[in-house]
Amino acid sequence: MVIAGLIFVVLGAAIYFPILRRRVKRAARLQQQSEEQARRELAQPITVNPGDPRVKTKLYWASDAIDSTLVPVTVELPLANDPVLRSKQVLNTLLAGPVDVELRTLPPDAVLLAFYLLPDGTGIADFSEALATSVPSGIASEQMAVDSIARTLEANVPQVRRLKILIHGQEVETLAGHLDLTGTFVVATKPAAVPVKPAVAAASTEKAPTTAPVAAPAKLTPEKAPGKLAQPDRKP
């Protein structure tokens, strides 16, 4: 009799535990979705001021080739002069994706929750968890997602010099298991232009030189070719 009771208990547990496990996972998933929805509601929509001038904006999406490169697509957008608001506008447009969904670099359900710009030029982009969970796992796809963000900021917001990506307000180790997100990524690859000091007029008692000195030619910085991957900035 005791043995029969034990067998009944074991069979009942074997049937009930998988059901309980599925219910716990479902509850956790619903809670996560509720938290994500709350974050989306807290994220203020980017309003477009009709008075803002329409600017030719470069957005970097995937090319239709098979070499995993990025190509710039130029569109006209009303952009604000404020670098933080401008960054939100171009990144939200990037998230909206191109007409051809196959050329997307970011998941369609990813949301930009916040964007901050530090005095040293570091832009902090806080994305929803969908950026990490919906990007195809793999170094190429993860790097392309980050590179499209960095290149778009580089082309449209010169005040952003570096990029730091957060997921759901937290620093994470990787994007989707491969790309390191603990550091920052270089955005601006060209040094800021140094203003030229005006020449000082010579005093009347001094003899003006017969030949003006010739300035040395400026050293050109090669422009980063489209599709080049963003490199982590490891400087402290």
C-alpha atoms as a PDB file:
ATOM      1  CA  MET A   1       0.000   0.000   0.000  1.00  0.00           C
ATOM      2  CA  VAL A   2       2.832   2.368   0.908  1.00  0.00           C
ATOM      3  CA  ILE A   3       4.687   1.508  -2.272  1.00  0.00           C
ATOM      4  CA  ALA A   4       1.590   2.184  -4.363  1.00  0.00           C
ATOM      5  CA  GLY A   5       1.228   5.551  -2.655  1.00  0.00           C
ATOM      6  CA  LEU A   6       4.852   6.439  -3.382  1.00  0.00           C
ATOM      7  CA  ILE A   7       4.444   5.445  -7.013  1.00  0.00           C
ATOM      8  CA  PHE A   8       1.353   7.654  -7.254  1.00  0.00           C
ATOM      9  CA  VAL A   9       3.252  10.597  -5.745  1.00  0.00           C
ATOM     10  CA  VAL A  10       6.189  10.120  -8.134  1.00  0.00           C
ATOM     11  CA  LEU A  11       3.916   9.918 -11.160  1.00  0.00           C
ATOM     12  CA  GLY A  12       2.010  12.998 -10.033  1.00  0.00           C
ATOM     13  CA  ALA A  13       5.240  14.946  -9.574  1.00  0.00           C
ATOM     14  CA  ALA A  14       6.512  13.845 -12.972  1.00  0.00           C
ATOM     15  CA  ILE A  15       3.332  15.209 -14.569  1.00  0.00           C
ATOM     16  CA  TYR A  16       2.966  18.381 -12.477  1.00  0.00           C
ATOM     17  CA  PHE A  17       6.558  19.655 -12.381  1.00  0.00           C
ATOM     18  CA  PRO A  18       6.881  20.234 -16.169  1.00  0.00           C
ATOM     19  CA  ILE A  19       3.570  22.123 -16.084  1.00  0.00           C
ATOM     20  CA  LEU A  20       4.774  24.193 -13.143  1.00  0.00           C
ATOM     21  CA  ARG A  21       8.060  24.919 -14.909  1.00  0.00           C
ATOM     22  CA  ARG A  22       6.237  26.153 -18.019  1.00  0.00           C
ATOM     23  CA  ARG A  23       3.979  28.364 -15.907  1.00  0.00           C
ATOM     24  CA  VAL A  24       6.969  29.892 -14.097  1.00  0.00           C
ATOM     25  CA  LYS A  25       8.744  30.605 -17.403  1.00  0.00           C
ATOM     26  CA  ARG A  26       5.584  32.127 -18.864  1.00  0.00           C
ATOM     27  CA  ALA A  27       5.100  34.344 -15.802  1.00  0.00           C
ATOM     28  CA  ALA A  28       8.713  35.512 -15.996  1.00  0.00           C
ATOM     29  CA  ARG A  29       8.326  36.265 -19.694  1.00  0.00           C
ATOM     30  CA  LEU A  30       5.127  38.247 -19.110  1.00  0.00           C
ATOM     31  CA  GLN A  31       6.795  40.188 -16.305  1.00  0.00           C
ATOM     32  CA  GLN A  32       9.741  41.019 -18.560  1.00  0.00           C
ATOM     33  CA  GLN A  33       7.379  42.163 -21.311  1.00  0.00           C
ATOM     34  CA  SER A  34       5.485  44.318 -18.813  1.00  0.00           C
ATOM     35  CA  GLU A  35       8.709  45.934 -17.631  1.00  0.00           C
ATOM     36  CA  GLU A  36       9.766  46.507 -21.230  1.00  0.00           C
ATOM     37  CA  GLN A  37       6.402  48.083 -22.020  1.00  0.00           C
ATOM     38  CA  ALA A  38       6.771  50.376 -19.024  1.00  0.00           C
ATOM     39  CA  ARG A  39      10.188  51.488 -20.247  1.00  0.00           C
ATOM     40  CA  ARG A  40       8.750  52.155 -23.692  1.00  0.00           C
ATOM     41  CA  GLU A  41       6.006  54.301 -22.199  1.00  0.00           C
ATOM     42  CA  LEU A  42       8.576  56.245 -20.182  1.00  0.00           C
ATOM     43  CA  ALA A  43      10.656  56.877 -23.283  1.00  0.00           C
ATOM     44  CA  GLN A  44       9.463  60.215 -24.611  1.00  0.00           C
ATOM     45  CA  PRO A  45       8.592  60.228 -28.313  1.00  0.00           C
ATOM     46  CA  ILE A  46      10.825  62.389 -30.450  1.00  0.00           C
ATOM     47  CA  THR A  47       8.757  65.301 -31.648  1.00  0.00           C
ATOM     48  CA  VAL A  48       9.612  66.863 -34.969  1.00  0.00           C
ATOM     49  CA  ASN A  49       9.568  70.626 -35.038  1.00  0.00           C
ATOM     50  CA  PRO A  50       8.227  71.749 -38.431  1.00  0.00           C
ATOM     51  CA  GLY A  51      10.435  74.813 -38.094  1.00  0.00           C
ATOM     52  CA  ASP A  52      13.621  72.742 -38.059  1.00  0.00           C
ATOM     53  CA  PRO A  53      15.485  72.918 -41.357  1.00  0.00           C
ATOM     54  CA  ARG A  54      15.433  69.817 -43.517  1.00  0.00           C
ATOM     55  CA  VAL A  55      18.935  68.382 -43.645  1.00  0.00           C
ATOM     56  CA  LYS A  56      20.432  65.762 -45.928  1.00  0.00           C
ATOM     57  CA  THR A  57      20.995  62.938 -43.469  1.00  0.00           C
ATOM     58  CA  LYS A  58      23.162  59.852 -43.999  1.00  0.00           C
ATOM     59  CA  LEU A  59      21.823  56.624 -42.538  1.00  0.00           C
ATOM     60  CA  TYR A  60      23.931  53.475 -42.668  1.00  0.00           C
ATOM     61  CA  TRP A  61      22.099  50.281 -43.509  1.00  0.00           C
ATOM     62  CA  ALA A  62      23.283  46.951 -44.891  1.00  0.00           C
ATOM     63  CA  SER A  63      24.174  46.712 -48.547  1.00  0.00           C
ATOM     64  CA  ASP A  64      22.395  44.285 -50.825  1.00  0.00           C
ATOM     65  CA  ALA A  65      25.694  42.491 -51.415  1.00  0.00           C
ATOM     66  CA  ILE A  66      26.741  39.385 -49.502  1.00  0.00           C
ATOM     67  CA  ASP A  67      29.902  40.876 -48.020  1.00  0.00           C
ATOM     68  CA  SER A  68      28.256  42.253 -44.836  1.00  0.00           C
ATOM     69  CA  THR A  69      29.095  45.880 -45.539  1.00  0.00           C
ATOM     70  CA  LEU A  70      27.254  49.101 -44.841  1.00  0.00           C
ATOM     71  CA  VAL A  71      26.222  51.723 -47.361  1.00  0.00           C
ATOM     72  CA  PRO A  72      25.026  55.270 -46.670  1.00  0.00           C
ATOM     73  CA  VAL A  73      21.509  56.195 -47.721  1.00  0.00           C
ATOM     74  CA  THR A  74      20.790  59.930 -47.887  1.00  0.00           C
ATOM     75  CA  VAL A  75      17.369  61.177 -46.818  1.00  0.00           C
ATOM     76  CA  GLU A  76      16.081  64.626 -45.923  1.00  0.00           C
ATOM     77  CA  LEU A  77      14.967  64.996 -42.308  1.00  0.00           C
ATOM     78  CA  PRO A  78      14.036  67.989 -40.148  1.00  0.00           C
ATOM     79  CA  LEU A  79      16.875  67.874 -37.596  1.00  0.00           C
ATOM     80  CA  ALA A  80      17.350  69.927 -34.467  1.00  0.00           C
ATOM     81  CA  ASN A  81      20.585  71.774 -33.733  1.00  0.00           C
ATOM     82  CA  ASP A  82      20.776  70.336 -30.212  1.00  0.00           C
ATOM     83  CA  PRO A  83      23.150  67.337 -30.452  1.00  0.00           C
ATOM     84  CA  VAL A  84      21.206  65.160 -27.992  1.00  0.00           C
ATOM     85  CA  LEU A  85      17.862  65.681 -29.709  1.00  0.00           C
ATOM     86  CA  ARG A  86      19.541  65.351 -33.100  1.00  0.00           C
ATOM     87  CA  SER A  87      21.093  62.017 -32.055  1.00  0.00           C
ATOM     88  CA  LYS A  88      17.688  60.719 -30.973  1.00  0.00           C
ATOM     89  CA  GLN A  89      16.140  61.770 -34.263  1.00  0.00           C
ATOM     90  CA  VAL A  90      18.696  60.054 -36.487  1.00  0.00           C
ATOM     91  CA  LEU A  91      18.858  56.893 -34.348  1.00  0.00           C
ATOM     92  CA  ASN A  92      15.075  56.551 -34.266  1.00  0.00           C
ATOM     93  CA  THR A  93      15.052  56.887 -38.046  1.00  0.00           C
ATOM     94  CA  LEU A  94      17.770  54.235 -38.244  1.00  0.00           C
ATOM     95  CA  LEU A  95      15.678  51.958 -36.024  1.00  0.00           C
ATOM     96  CA  ALA A  96      12.669  52.466 -38.274  1.00  0.00           C
ATOM     97  CA  GLY A  97      14.706  50.769 -40.961  1.00  0.00           C
ATOM     98  CA  PRO A  98      14.931  51.042 -44.741  1.00  0.00           C
ATOM     99  CA  VAL A  99      12.126  50.263 -47.170  1.00  0.00           C
ATOM    100  CA  ASP A 100      13.733  46.897 -47.864  1.00  0.00           C
ATOM    101  CA  VAL A 101      13.478  45.068 -44.540  1.00  0.00           C
ATOM    102  CA  GLU A 102      16.229  42.686 -45.629  1.00  0.00           C
ATOM    103  CA  LEU A 103      18.714  45.561 -45.325  1.00  0.00           C
ATOM    104  CA  ARG A 104      17.947  46.319 -41.690  1.00  0.00           C
ATOM    105  CA  THR A 105      20.868  46.428 -39.274  1.00  0.00           C
ATOM    106  CA  LEU A 106      18.813  46.736 -36.072  1.00  0.00           C
ATOM    107  CA  PRO A 107      15.854  44.649 -34.873  1.00  0.00           C
ATOM    108  CA  PRO A 108      12.416  46.115 -35.676  1.00  0.00           C
ATOM    109  CA  ASP A 109      11.281  45.763 -32.050  1.00  0.00           C
ATOM    110  CA  ALA A 110      14.325  47.552 -30.578  1.00  0.00           C
ATOM    111  CA  VAL A 111      13.639  50.929 -28.959  1.00  0.00           C
ATOM    112  CA  LEU A 112      15.953  53.814 -28.086  1.00  0.00           C
ATOM    113  CA  LEU A 113      15.067  54.486 -24.452  1.00  0.00           C
ATOM    114  CA  ALA A 114      17.417  57.410 -23.811  1.00  0.00           C
ATOM    115  CA  PHE A 115      20.452  59.222 -25.145  1.00  0.00           C
ATOM    116  CA  TYR A 116      22.976  61.272 -23.173  1.00  0.00           C
ATOM    117  CA  LEU A 117      26.015  63.257 -24.244  1.00  0.00           C
ATOM    118  CA  LEU A 118      28.889  63.695 -21.793  1.00  0.00           C
ATOM    119  CA  PRO A 119      31.162  66.766 -21.863  1.00  0.00           C
ATOM    120  CA  ASP A 120      34.029  64.694 -23.294  1.00  0.00           C
ATOM    121  CA  GLY A 121      31.951  63.785 -26.358  1.00  0.00           C
ATOM    122  CA  THR A 122      30.888  60.319 -25.230  1.00  0.00           C
ATOM    123  CA  GLY A 123      27.369  59.547 -26.372  1.00  0.00           C
ATOM    124  CA  ILE A 124      25.482  57.045 -24.219  1.00  0.00           C
ATOM    125  CA  ALA A 125      22.709  55.238 -26.091  1.00  0.00           C
ATOM    126  CA  ASP A 126      20.338  53.199 -23.938  1.00  0.00           C
ATOM    127  CA  PHE A 127      18.391  50.614 -25.934  1.00  0.00           C
ATOM    128  CA  SER A 128      15.663  48.180 -24.984  1.00  0.00           C
ATOM    129  CA  GLU A 129      16.541  44.534 -24.407  1.00  0.00           C
ATOM    130  CA  ALA A 130      15.335  43.660 -27.899  1.00  0.00           C
ATOM    131  CA  LEU A 131      18.590  45.044 -29.288  1.00  0.00           C
ATOM    132  CA  ALA A 132      20.464  42.255 -27.503  1.00  0.00           C
ATOM    133  CA  THR A 133      17.896  39.485 -27.807  1.00  0.00           C
ATOM    134  CA  SER A 134      16.744  40.021 -31.394  1.00  0.00           C
ATOM    135  CA  VAL A 135      20.059  40.744 -33.131  1.00  0.00           C
ATOM    136  CA  PRO A 136      21.236  37.517 -34.822  1.00  0.00           C
ATOM    137  CA  SER A 137      23.967  36.034 -32.669  1.00  0.00           C
ATOM    138  CA  GLY A 138      27.341  36.251 -34.399  1.00  0.00           C
ATOM    139  CA  ILE A 139      30.261  38.638 -34.444  1.00  0.00           C
ATOM    140  CA  ALA A 140      29.474  39.879 -37.979  1.00  0.00           C
ATOM    141  CA  SER A 141      25.814  40.743 -37.359  1.00  0.00           C
ATOM    142  CA  GLU A 142      26.511  42.192 -33.911  1.00  0.00           C
ATOM    143  CA  GLN A 143      29.384  44.335 -35.203  1.00  0.00           C
ATOM    144  CA  MET A 144      27.289  45.545 -38.131  1.00  0.00           C
ATOM    145  CA  ALA A 145      24.529  46.665 -35.747  1.00  0.00           C
ATOM    146  CA  VAL A 146      26.940  48.706 -33.623  1.00  0.00           C
ATOM    147  CA  ASP A 147      28.784  50.009 -36.661  1.00  0.00           C
ATOM    148  CA  SER A 148      25.574  51.281 -38.262  1.00  0.00           C
ATOM    149  CA  ILE A 149      24.828  53.247 -35.091  1.00  0.00           C
ATOM    150  CA  ALA A 150      28.349  54.683 -34.867  1.00  0.00           C
ATOM    151  CA  ARG A 151      28.564  55.593 -38.564  1.00  0.00           C
ATOM    152  CA  THR A 152      25.146  57.285 -38.514  1.00  0.00           C
ATOM    153  CA  LEU A 153      26.145  59.387 -35.513  1.00  0.00           C
ATOM    154  CA  GLU A 154      29.494  60.215 -37.105  1.00  0.00           C
ATOM    155  CA  ALA A 155      27.832  61.463 -40.289  1.00  0.00           C
ATOM    156  CA  ASN A 156      25.204  63.624 -38.606  1.00  0.00           C
ATOM    157  CA  VAL A 157      26.262  64.602 -35.071  1.00  0.00           C
ATOM    158  CA  PRO A 158      29.899  65.764 -34.993  1.00  0.00           C
ATOM    159  CA  GLN A 159      29.719  66.448 -31.254  1.00  0.00           C
ATOM    160  CA  VAL A 160      29.612  62.697 -30.563  1.00  0.00           C
ATOM    161  CA  ARG A 161      33.190  61.402 -30.444  1.00  0.00           C
ATOM    162  CA  ARG A 162      32.669  58.005 -28.796  1.00  0.00           C
ATOM    163  CA  LEU A 163      29.729  55.661 -28.264  1.00  0.00           C
ATOM    164  CA  LYS A 164      28.694  53.701 -25.196  1.00  0.00           C
ATOM    165  CA  ILE A 165      25.783  51.277 -25.517  1.00  0.00           C
ATOM    166  CA  LEU A 166      23.582  50.296 -22.585  1.00  0.00           C
ATOM    167  CA  ILE A 167      20.838  47.688 -22.580  1.00  0.00           C
ATOM    168  CA  HIS A 168      17.803  48.464 -20.438  1.00  0.00           C
ATOM    169  CA  GLY A 169      19.823  51.040 -18.504  1.00  0.00           C
ATOM    170  CA  GLN A 170      22.584  48.596 -17.605  1.00  0.00           C
ATOM    171  CA  GLU A 171      26.066  47.844 -18.910  1.00  0.00           C
ATOM    172  CA  VAL A 172      26.232  44.347 -20.374  1.00  0.00           C
ATOM    173  CA  GLU A 173      29.273  42.309 -21.326  1.00  0.00           C
ATOM    174  CA  THR A 174      28.257  41.473 -24.899  1.00  0.00           C
ATOM    175  CA  LEU A 175      25.588  42.433 -27.385  1.00  0.00           C
ATOM    176  CA  ALA A 176      24.292  38.981 -28.271  1.00  0.00           C
ATOM    177  CA  GLY A 177      27.064  36.777 -26.960  1.00  0.00           C
ATOM    178  CA  HIS A 178      30.079  37.969 -28.969  1.00  0.00           C
ATOM    179  CA  LEU A 179      30.674  41.724 -29.349  1.00  0.00           C
ATOM    180  CA  ASP A 180      32.201  43.321 -26.242  1.00  0.00           C
ATOM    181  CA  LEU A 181      30.067  46.205 -24.914  1.00  0.00           C
ATOM    182  CA  THR A 182      32.043  46.934 -21.743  1.00  0.00           C
ATOM    183  CA  GLY A 183      34.071  49.678 -23.432  1.00  0.00           C
ATOM    184  CA  THR A 184      33.292  52.482 -25.859  1.00  0.00           C
ATOM    185  CA  PHE A 185      33.413  52.632 -29.644  1.00  0.00           C
ATOM    186  CA  VAL A 186      35.178  55.317 -31.653  1.00  0.00           C
ATOM    187  CA  VAL A 187      32.678  57.457 -33.568  1.00  0.00           C
ATOM    188  CA  ALA A 188      34.532  60.521 -34.853  1.00  0.00           C
ATOM    189  CA  THR A 189      37.592  59.452 -36.812  1.00  0.00           C
ATOM    190  CA  LYS A 190      38.564  62.932 -38.021  1.00  0.00           C
ATOM    191  CA  PRO A 191      40.265  65.394 -35.655  1.00  0.00           C
ATOM    192  CA  ALA A 192      38.507  68.659 -34.975  1.00  0.00           C
ATOM    193  CA  ALA A 193      39.631  71.506 -37.188  1.00  0.00           C
ATOM    194  CA  VAL A 194      42.040  73.910 -35.498  1.00  0.00           C
ATOM    195  CA  PRO A 195      41.176  77.581 -36.169  1.00  0.00           C
ATOM    196  CA  VAL A 196      43.888  79.526 -37.961  1.00  0.00           C
ATOM    197  CA  LYS A 197      45.132  82.552 -36.048  1.00  0.00           C
ATOM    198  CA  PRO A 198      44.976  85.807 -38.041  1.00  0.00           C
ATOM    199  CA  ALA A 199      48.314  87.290 -39.053  1.00  0.00           C
ATOM    200  CA  VAL A 200      49.493  90.206 -36.885  1.00  0.00           C
ATOM    201  CA  ALA A 201      50.243  93.369 -38.815  1.00  0.00           C
ATOM    202  CA  ALA A 202      53.920  94.341 -38.697  1.00  0.00           C
ATOM    203  CA  ALA A 203      54.850  97.552 -36.855  1.00  0.00           C
ATOM    204  CA  SER A 204      55.578 100.582 -39.014  1.00  0.00           C
ATOM    205  CA  THR A 205      59.207 100.589 -37.872  1.00  0.00           C
ATOM    206  CA  GLU A 206      59.735  97.001 -39.011  1.00  0.00           C
ATOM    207  CA  LYS A 207      60.450  96.084 -42.568  1.00  0.00           C
ATOM    208  CA  ALA A 208      57.822  93.763 -44.004  1.00  0.00           C
ATOM    209  CA  PRO A 209      59.181  90.547 -45.447  1.00  0.00           C
ATOM    210  CA  THR A 210      59.394  90.467 -49.198  1.00  0.00           C
ATOM    211  CA  THR A 211      58.049  86.909 -49.359  1.00  0.00           C
ATOM    212  CA  ALA A 212      55.309  85.540 -47.147  1.00  0.00           C
ATOM    213  CA  PRO A 213      56.175  82.259 -45.428  1.00  0.00           C
ATOM    214  CA  VAL A 214      54.540  79.244 -46.986  1.00  0.00           C
ATOM    215  CA  ALA A 215      52.533  77.118 -44.548  1.00  0.00           C
ATOM    216  CA  ALA A 216      53.268  73.423 -44.495  1.00  0.00           C
ATOM    217  CA  PRO A 217      50.524  71.382 -46.114  1.00  0.00           C
ATOM    218  CA  ALA A 218      48.036  69.933 -43.640  1.00  0.00           C
ATOM    219  CA  LYS A 219      48.247  66.225 -43.075  1.00  0.00           C
ATOM    220  CA  LEU A 220      45.107  64.602 -44.410  1.00  0.00           C
ATOM    221  CA  THR A 221      43.313  61.972 -42.405  1.00  0.00           C
ATOM    222  CA  PRO A 222      41.960  59.203 -44.614  1.00  0.00           C
ATOM    223  CA  GLU A 223      38.196  58.912 -44.508  1.00  0.00           C
ATOM    224  CA  LYS A 224      36.866  55.658 -43.189  1.00  0.00           C
ATOM    225  CA  ALA A 225      35.467  53.629 -46.073  1.00  0.00           C
ATOM    226  CA  PRO A 226      31.793  52.578 -45.892  1.00  0.00           C
ATOM    227  CA  GLY A 227      31.349  49.267 -44.191  1.00  0.00           C
ATOM    228  CA  LYS A 228      34.437  49.494 -41.993  1.00  0.00           C
ATOM    229  CA  LEU A 229      33.601  48.119 -38.575  1.00  0.00           C
ATOM    230  CA  ALA A 230      33.592  50.306 -35.495  1.00  0.00           C
ATOM    231  CA  GLN A 231      36.561  49.590 -33.290  1.00  0.00           C
ATOM    232  CA  PRO A 232      36.331  49.558 -29.488  1.00  0.00           C
ATOM    233  CA  ASP A 233      38.122  52.448 -27.806  1.00  0.00           C
ATOM    234  CA  ARG A 234      40.208  50.992 -25.023  1.00  0.00           C
ATOM    235  CA  LYS A 235      41.644  54.251 -23.714  1.00  0.00           C
ATOM    236  CA  PRO A 236      40.794  54.866 -20.056  1.00  0.00           C
END
